[in-house]
Amino acid sequence: QVQLVESGGGLVQAGGSLRLSCAASGRSFRYVMGWFRQAPGKEREFVAAISWSGVNTDHADSVKGRFTISRDNAKNTLYLQMNSLEPEDTGVYYCAARGGLATVTGWNEYDYWGQGTQVTVSS
């Protein structure tokens, strides 16, 4: 079991940057971690995922070159650095964890979820 708490969301102008954090607590941080987002009226969508070691990462095409997922296992913390933000990036951002080794993109393949943090990008 792992508990996840996101932070770092806020209001930013287009072109700006934010860094989201996800603090994990529980028995182990040995999980594949992911970031998802959900805009009003839309389905939850994959943003990025990272393996336990941090060696393997995967980013959605819509954020490649702008967002970077990383983790610090010594601090049990997951990060999402978001640069060149666009109004289309607006939504609630969730971190998630799953057992296994694969950095999968389906939200229903993750076992644990945080409560989400709001990111709003103004034009």
N, C-alpha and C. Protein backbone atom coordinates (compact mmCIF):
# COMPACT_ATOMS: atom_id res chain seq x y z
N GLN A 1 0.85 -1.18 0.00
CA GLN A 1 0.00 0.00 0.00
C GLN A 1 0.88 1.24 0.00
N VAL A 2 0.49 2.24 -0.76
CA VAL A 2 1.24 3.49 -0.81
C VAL A 2 0.24 4.63 -0.85
N GLN A 3 0.57 5.70 -0.16
CA GLN A 3 -0.25 6.91 -0.18
C GLN A 3 0.48 7.97 -0.97
N LEU A 4 -0.25 8.69 -1.80
CA LEU A 4 0.34 9.67 -2.71
C LEU A 4 -0.30 11.05 -2.49
N VAL A 5 0.55 12.07 -2.40
CA VAL A 5 0.06 13.43 -2.21
C VAL A 5 0.77 14.35 -3.20
N GLU A 6 -0.02 14.95 -4.09
CA GLU A 6 0.54 15.87 -5.09
C GLU A 6 0.60 17.30 -4.55
N SER A 7 1.51 18.07 -5.10
CA SER A 7 1.60 19.49 -4.79
C SER A 7 2.27 20.19 -5.96
N GLY A 8 2.20 21.53 -5.94
CA GLY A 8 2.90 22.30 -6.96
C GLY A 8 2.03 22.88 -8.05
N GLY A 9 0.75 22.55 -8.04
CA GLY A 9 -0.13 23.11 -9.06
C GLY A 9 -0.38 24.59 -8.82
N GLY A 10 -1.02 25.23 -9.78
CA GLY A 10 -1.33 26.65 -9.63
C GLY A 10 -1.76 27.26 -10.94
N LEU A 11 -1.79 28.59 -10.94
CA LEU A 11 -2.17 29.36 -12.12
C LEU A 11 -0.91 29.94 -12.74
N VAL A 12 -0.74 29.76 -14.03
CA VAL A 12 0.44 30.25 -14.72
C VAL A 12 0.03 30.73 -16.11
N GLN A 13 0.77 31.69 -16.63
CA GLN A 13 0.50 32.17 -17.98
C GLN A 13 1.08 31.22 -19.01
N ALA A 14 0.51 31.24 -20.19
CA ALA A 14 1.03 30.42 -21.28
C ALA A 14 2.51 30.75 -21.51
N GLY A 15 3.27 29.69 -21.71
CA GLY A 15 4.72 29.85 -21.87
C GLY A 15 5.49 29.69 -20.57
N GLY A 16 4.79 29.67 -19.46
CA GLY A 16 5.43 29.55 -18.16
C GLY A 16 5.74 28.11 -17.79
N SER A 17 6.23 27.96 -16.56
CA SER A 17 6.65 26.65 -16.08
C SER A 17 6.09 26.37 -14.69
N LEU A 18 5.92 25.11 -14.40
CA LEU A 18 5.55 24.63 -13.07
C LEU A 18 6.27 23.30 -12.84
N ARG A 19 6.52 23.00 -11.58
CA ARG A 19 7.04 21.68 -11.23
C ARG A 19 6.10 21.05 -10.22
N LEU A 20 5.52 19.94 -10.61
CA LEU A 20 4.67 19.18 -9.71
C LEU A 20 5.50 18.17 -8.94
N SER A 21 5.08 17.93 -7.70
CA SER A 21 5.71 16.91 -6.87
C SER A 21 4.65 15.94 -6.38
N CYS A 22 5.06 14.74 -6.12
CA CYS A 22 4.17 13.72 -5.56
C CYS A 22 4.95 12.99 -4.48
N ALA A 23 4.55 13.19 -3.25
CA ALA A 23 5.21 12.54 -2.12
C ALA A 23 4.53 11.22 -1.83
N ALA A 24 5.32 10.18 -1.73
CA ALA A 24 4.78 8.85 -1.47
C ALA A 24 5.14 8.39 -0.07
N SER A 25 4.22 7.75 0.57
CA SER A 25 4.48 7.17 1.89
C SER A 25 3.86 5.78 1.93
N GLY A 26 4.43 4.94 2.77
CA GLY A 26 3.95 3.59 2.84
C GLY A 26 5.11 2.63 2.98
N ARG A 27 4.83 1.41 2.70
CA ARG A 27 5.82 0.38 2.95
C ARG A 27 6.99 0.46 1.97
N SER A 28 6.72 0.85 0.73
CA SER A 28 7.76 0.82 -0.29
C SER A 28 7.47 1.85 -1.36
N PHE A 29 8.52 2.33 -2.01
CA PHE A 29 8.36 3.22 -3.15
C PHE A 29 8.74 2.49 -4.43
N ARG A 30 8.82 1.16 -4.33
CA ARG A 30 9.27 0.37 -5.46
C ARG A 30 8.11 0.12 -6.42
N TYR A 31 7.67 1.20 -7.05
CA TYR A 31 6.55 1.15 -7.98
C TYR A 31 6.92 1.88 -9.27
N VAL A 32 6.29 1.46 -10.34
CA VAL A 32 6.24 2.31 -11.53
C VAL A 32 5.32 3.47 -11.19
N MET A 33 5.74 4.69 -11.55
CA MET A 33 4.96 5.88 -11.23
C MET A 33 4.53 6.58 -12.51
N GLY A 34 3.38 7.20 -12.43
CA GLY A 34 2.89 7.92 -13.61
C GLY A 34 2.19 9.21 -13.23
N TRP A 35 2.09 10.07 -14.23
CA TRP A 35 1.28 11.30 -14.12
C TRP A 35 0.15 11.21 -15.16
N PHE A 36 -1.03 11.58 -14.73
CA PHE A 36 -2.19 11.67 -15.59
C PHE A 36 -2.84 13.03 -15.37
N ARG A 37 -3.67 13.43 -16.30
CA ARG A 37 -4.40 14.68 -16.12
C ARG A 37 -5.82 14.52 -16.65
N GLN A 38 -6.69 15.38 -16.14
CA GLN A 38 -8.08 15.35 -16.56
C GLN A 38 -8.60 16.77 -16.64
N ALA A 39 -9.05 17.14 -17.82
CA ALA A 39 -9.66 18.45 -18.04
C ALA A 39 -11.17 18.31 -17.88
N PRO A 40 -11.85 19.41 -17.56
CA PRO A 40 -13.31 19.34 -17.38
C PRO A 40 -13.99 18.76 -18.62
N GLY A 41 -14.85 17.79 -18.39
CA GLY A 41 -15.60 17.19 -19.48
C GLY A 41 -14.83 16.22 -20.34
N LYS A 42 -13.59 15.95 -19.97
CA LYS A 42 -12.76 15.03 -20.76
C LYS A 42 -12.34 13.84 -19.91
N GLU A 43 -11.90 12.80 -20.60
CA GLU A 43 -11.42 11.62 -19.89
C GLU A 43 -10.01 11.86 -19.34
N ARG A 44 -9.68 11.09 -18.32
CA ARG A 44 -8.33 11.15 -17.77
C ARG A 44 -7.35 10.64 -18.82
N GLU A 45 -6.25 11.35 -18.99
CA GLU A 45 -5.29 10.97 -20.03
C GLU A 45 -3.89 10.85 -19.47
N PHE A 46 -3.14 9.97 -20.09
CA PHE A 46 -1.76 9.72 -19.72
C PHE A 46 -0.88 10.92 -20.05
N VAL A 47 0.02 11.23 -19.14
CA VAL A 47 1.00 12.30 -19.38
C VAL A 47 2.42 11.73 -19.46
N ALA A 48 2.81 10.98 -18.43
CA ALA A 48 4.17 10.44 -18.40
C ALA A 48 4.25 9.32 -17.38
N ALA A 49 5.25 8.46 -17.55
CA ALA A 49 5.48 7.37 -16.60
C ALA A 49 6.98 7.12 -16.49
N ILE A 50 7.37 6.53 -15.36
CA ILE A 50 8.78 6.27 -15.10
C ILE A 50 8.93 4.96 -14.34
N SER A 51 9.95 4.21 -14.70
CA SER A 51 10.20 2.95 -14.02
C SER A 51 10.75 3.18 -12.62
N TRP A 52 10.80 2.13 -11.83
CA TRP A 52 11.28 2.28 -10.45
C TRP A 52 12.70 2.83 -10.42
N SER A 53 13.55 2.35 -11.33
CA SER A 53 14.95 2.78 -11.33
C SER A 53 15.12 4.19 -11.88
N GLY A 54 14.12 4.64 -12.64
CA GLY A 54 14.23 5.94 -13.29
C GLY A 54 14.87 5.88 -14.66
N VAL A 55 15.33 4.72 -15.05
CA VAL A 55 16.03 4.59 -16.33
C VAL A 55 15.05 4.70 -17.50
N ASN A 56 13.89 4.09 -17.36
CA ASN A 56 12.90 4.08 -18.44
C ASN A 56 11.82 5.11 -18.18
N THR A 57 11.57 5.95 -19.16
CA THR A 57 10.49 6.93 -19.07
C THR A 57 9.68 6.89 -20.36
N ASP A 58 8.46 7.39 -20.25
CA ASP A 58 7.57 7.47 -21.39
C ASP A 58 6.75 8.75 -21.23
N HIS A 59 6.63 9.51 -22.31
CA HIS A 59 5.87 10.75 -22.28
C HIS A 59 4.85 10.75 -23.41
N ALA A 60 3.68 11.29 -23.14
CA ALA A 60 2.67 11.43 -24.19
C ALA A 60 3.20 12.35 -25.28
N ASP A 61 2.78 12.10 -26.51
CA ASP A 61 3.25 12.92 -27.63
C ASP A 61 2.95 14.40 -27.41
N SER A 62 1.82 14.68 -26.78
CA SER A 62 1.39 16.07 -26.59
C SER A 62 2.30 16.86 -25.65
N VAL A 63 3.12 16.16 -24.86
CA VAL A 63 3.98 16.86 -23.90
C VAL A 63 5.47 16.63 -24.15
N LYS A 64 5.80 15.79 -25.11
CA LYS A 64 7.21 15.51 -25.39
C LYS A 64 7.95 16.79 -25.74
N GLY A 65 9.13 16.93 -25.14
CA GLY A 65 9.93 18.12 -25.37
C GLY A 65 9.57 19.28 -24.45
N ARG A 66 8.45 19.17 -23.74
CA ARG A 66 8.03 20.24 -22.82
C ARG A 66 7.99 19.77 -21.37
N PHE A 67 7.56 18.53 -21.14
CA PHE A 67 7.44 17.98 -19.79
C PHE A 67 8.50 16.91 -19.59
N THR A 68 8.96 16.79 -18.34
CA THR A 68 9.92 15.76 -18.00
C THR A 68 9.54 15.13 -16.67
N ILE A 69 9.40 13.82 -16.67
CA ILE A 69 9.13 13.09 -15.43
C ILE A 69 10.45 12.63 -14.83
N SER A 70 10.52 12.67 -13.50
CA SER A 70 11.71 12.18 -12.81
C SER A 70 11.30 11.74 -11.40
N ARG A 71 12.21 11.09 -10.73
CA ARG A 71 11.92 10.64 -9.36
C ARG A 71 13.19 10.66 -8.54
N ASP A 72 13.02 10.82 -7.24
CA ASP A 72 14.10 10.74 -6.28
C ASP A 72 13.71 9.68 -5.27
N ASN A 73 14.24 8.49 -5.44
CA ASN A 73 13.84 7.38 -4.58
C ASN A 73 14.31 7.57 -3.14
N ALA A 74 15.37 8.30 -2.94
CA ALA A 74 15.83 8.57 -1.57
C ALA A 74 14.83 9.44 -0.82
N LYS A 75 14.06 10.24 -1.56
CA LYS A 75 13.07 11.12 -0.94
C LYS A 75 11.64 10.61 -1.15
N ASN A 76 11.51 9.46 -1.81
CA ASN A 76 10.17 8.92 -2.10
C ASN A 76 9.30 9.95 -2.80
N THR A 77 9.86 10.64 -3.77
CA THR A 77 9.16 11.73 -4.43
C THR A 77 9.25 11.61 -5.94
N LEU A 78 8.13 11.86 -6.57
CA LEU A 78 8.00 11.89 -8.02
C LEU A 78 7.83 13.33 -8.45
N TYR A 79 8.38 13.68 -9.62
CA TYR A 79 8.28 15.05 -10.11
C TYR A 79 7.76 15.08 -11.55
N LEU A 80 7.20 16.22 -11.90
CA LEU A 80 6.87 16.50 -13.30
C LEU A 80 7.25 17.95 -13.57
N GLN A 81 8.31 18.15 -14.31
CA GLN A 81 8.72 19.49 -14.71
C GLN A 81 7.96 19.84 -15.98
N MET A 82 7.21 20.92 -15.94
CA MET A 82 6.38 21.34 -17.07
C MET A 82 6.85 22.70 -17.56
N ASN A 83 7.33 22.74 -18.77
CA ASN A 83 7.79 23.98 -19.40
C ASN A 83 6.93 24.32 -20.61
N SER A 84 7.01 25.55 -21.06
CA SER A 84 6.27 25.99 -22.24
C SER A 84 4.80 25.59 -22.15
N LEU A 85 4.22 25.88 -21.01
CA LEU A 85 2.84 25.46 -20.78
C LEU A 85 1.87 26.15 -21.74
N GLU A 86 0.84 25.42 -22.11
CA GLU A 86 -0.19 25.90 -23.02
C GLU A 86 -1.55 25.81 -22.34
N PRO A 87 -2.52 26.62 -22.76
CA PRO A 87 -3.85 26.53 -22.16
C PRO A 87 -4.43 25.12 -22.21
N GLU A 88 -4.05 24.35 -23.23
CA GLU A 88 -4.55 22.97 -23.36
C GLU A 88 -4.00 22.05 -22.27
N ASP A 89 -3.01 22.50 -21.54
CA ASP A 89 -2.46 21.70 -20.43
C ASP A 89 -3.27 21.85 -19.15
N THR A 90 -4.26 22.71 -19.16
CA THR A 90 -5.09 22.94 -17.99
C THR A 90 -5.82 21.66 -17.58
N GLY A 91 -5.86 21.39 -16.28
CA GLY A 91 -6.57 20.24 -15.77
C GLY A 91 -6.11 19.87 -14.38
N VAL A 92 -6.71 18.84 -13.85
CA VAL A 92 -6.25 18.29 -12.58
C VAL A 92 -5.22 17.21 -12.89
N TYR A 93 -4.07 17.33 -12.25
CA TYR A 93 -2.97 16.40 -12.47
C TYR A 93 -2.89 15.42 -11.31
N TYR A 94 -2.84 14.15 -11.66
CA TYR A 94 -2.80 13.08 -10.67
C TYR A 94 -1.51 12.29 -10.80
N CYS A 95 -0.94 11.90 -9.68
CA CYS A 95 0.12 10.91 -9.75
C CYS A 95 -0.47 9.56 -9.38
N ALA A 96 0.16 8.52 -9.89
CA ALA A 96 -0.34 7.17 -9.72
C ALA A 96 0.82 6.19 -9.61
N ALA A 97 0.55 5.05 -8.99
CA ALA A 97 1.57 4.03 -8.80
C ALA A 97 1.02 2.65 -9.16
N ARG A 98 1.91 1.82 -9.65
CA ARG A 98 1.51 0.45 -9.96
C ARG A 98 2.68 -0.48 -9.70
N GLY A 99 2.39 -1.71 -9.40
CA GLY A 99 3.43 -2.72 -9.27
C GLY A 99 3.88 -3.16 -10.65
N GLY A 100 4.88 -4.00 -10.70
CA GLY A 100 5.38 -4.49 -11.98
C GLY A 100 6.51 -3.64 -12.49
N LEU A 101 6.87 -3.88 -13.75
CA LEU A 101 8.04 -3.23 -14.33
C LEU A 101 7.71 -2.31 -15.50
N ALA A 102 6.58 -2.50 -16.13
CA ALA A 102 6.29 -1.78 -17.36
C ALA A 102 5.74 -0.38 -17.09
N THR A 103 6.18 0.58 -17.90
CA THR A 103 5.68 1.95 -17.79
C THR A 103 4.45 2.07 -18.69
N VAL A 104 3.33 1.54 -18.22
CA VAL A 104 2.13 1.49 -19.03
C VAL A 104 1.41 2.84 -19.05
N THR A 105 0.55 3.02 -20.05
CA THR A 105 -0.11 4.31 -20.23
C THR A 105 -1.59 4.30 -19.88
N GLY A 106 -2.17 3.17 -19.62
CA GLY A 106 -3.58 3.10 -19.31
C GLY A 106 -3.85 3.43 -17.86
N TRP A 107 -4.79 4.37 -17.62
CA TRP A 107 -5.03 4.77 -16.25
C TRP A 107 -5.57 3.62 -15.41
N ASN A 108 -6.29 2.71 -16.01
CA ASN A 108 -6.88 1.61 -15.24
C ASN A 108 -5.86 0.53 -14.88
N GLU A 109 -4.63 0.71 -15.29
CA GLU A 109 -3.57 -0.24 -14.94
C GLU A 109 -2.77 0.21 -13.72
N TYR A 110 -3.15 1.32 -13.14
CA TYR A 110 -2.49 1.82 -11.94
C TYR A 110 -3.34 1.53 -10.72
N ASP A 111 -2.65 1.23 -9.63
CA ASP A 111 -3.35 0.75 -8.45
C ASP A 111 -3.63 1.83 -7.41
N TYR A 112 -2.76 2.81 -7.34
CA TYR A 112 -2.87 3.82 -6.28
C TYR A 112 -2.86 5.21 -6.92
N TRP A 113 -3.65 6.11 -6.32
CA TRP A 113 -3.81 7.46 -6.87
C TRP A 113 -3.74 8.51 -5.79
N GLY A 114 -3.21 9.67 -6.15
CA GLY A 114 -3.29 10.82 -5.28
C GLY A 114 -4.61 11.54 -5.48
N GLN A 115 -4.78 12.64 -4.74
CA GLN A 115 -6.05 13.38 -4.80
C GLN A 115 -6.08 14.40 -5.93
N GLY A 116 -4.91 14.67 -6.53
CA GLY A 116 -4.85 15.59 -7.66
C GLY A 116 -4.47 17.00 -7.26
N THR A 117 -3.87 17.72 -8.20
CA THR A 117 -3.54 19.12 -8.01
C THR A 117 -3.93 19.87 -9.28
N GLN A 118 -4.54 21.04 -9.11
CA GLN A 118 -5.06 21.80 -10.24
C GLN A 118 -3.95 22.60 -10.91
N VAL A 119 -3.90 22.49 -12.23
CA VAL A 119 -3.02 23.33 -13.04
C VAL A 119 -3.88 24.11 -14.01
N THR A 120 -3.75 25.43 -13.97
CA THR A 120 -4.50 26.29 -14.87
C THR A 120 -3.53 27.17 -15.63
N VAL A 121 -3.63 27.11 -16.96
CA VAL A 121 -2.75 27.89 -17.82
C VAL A 121 -3.60 28.92 -18.55
N SER A 122 -3.31 30.19 -18.32
CA SER A 122 -4.08 31.25 -18.95
C SER A 122 -3.42 31.69 -20.24
N SER A 123 -4.24 32.11 -21.19
CA SER A 123 -3.70 32.54 -22.49
C SER A 123 -3.39 34.02 -22.50
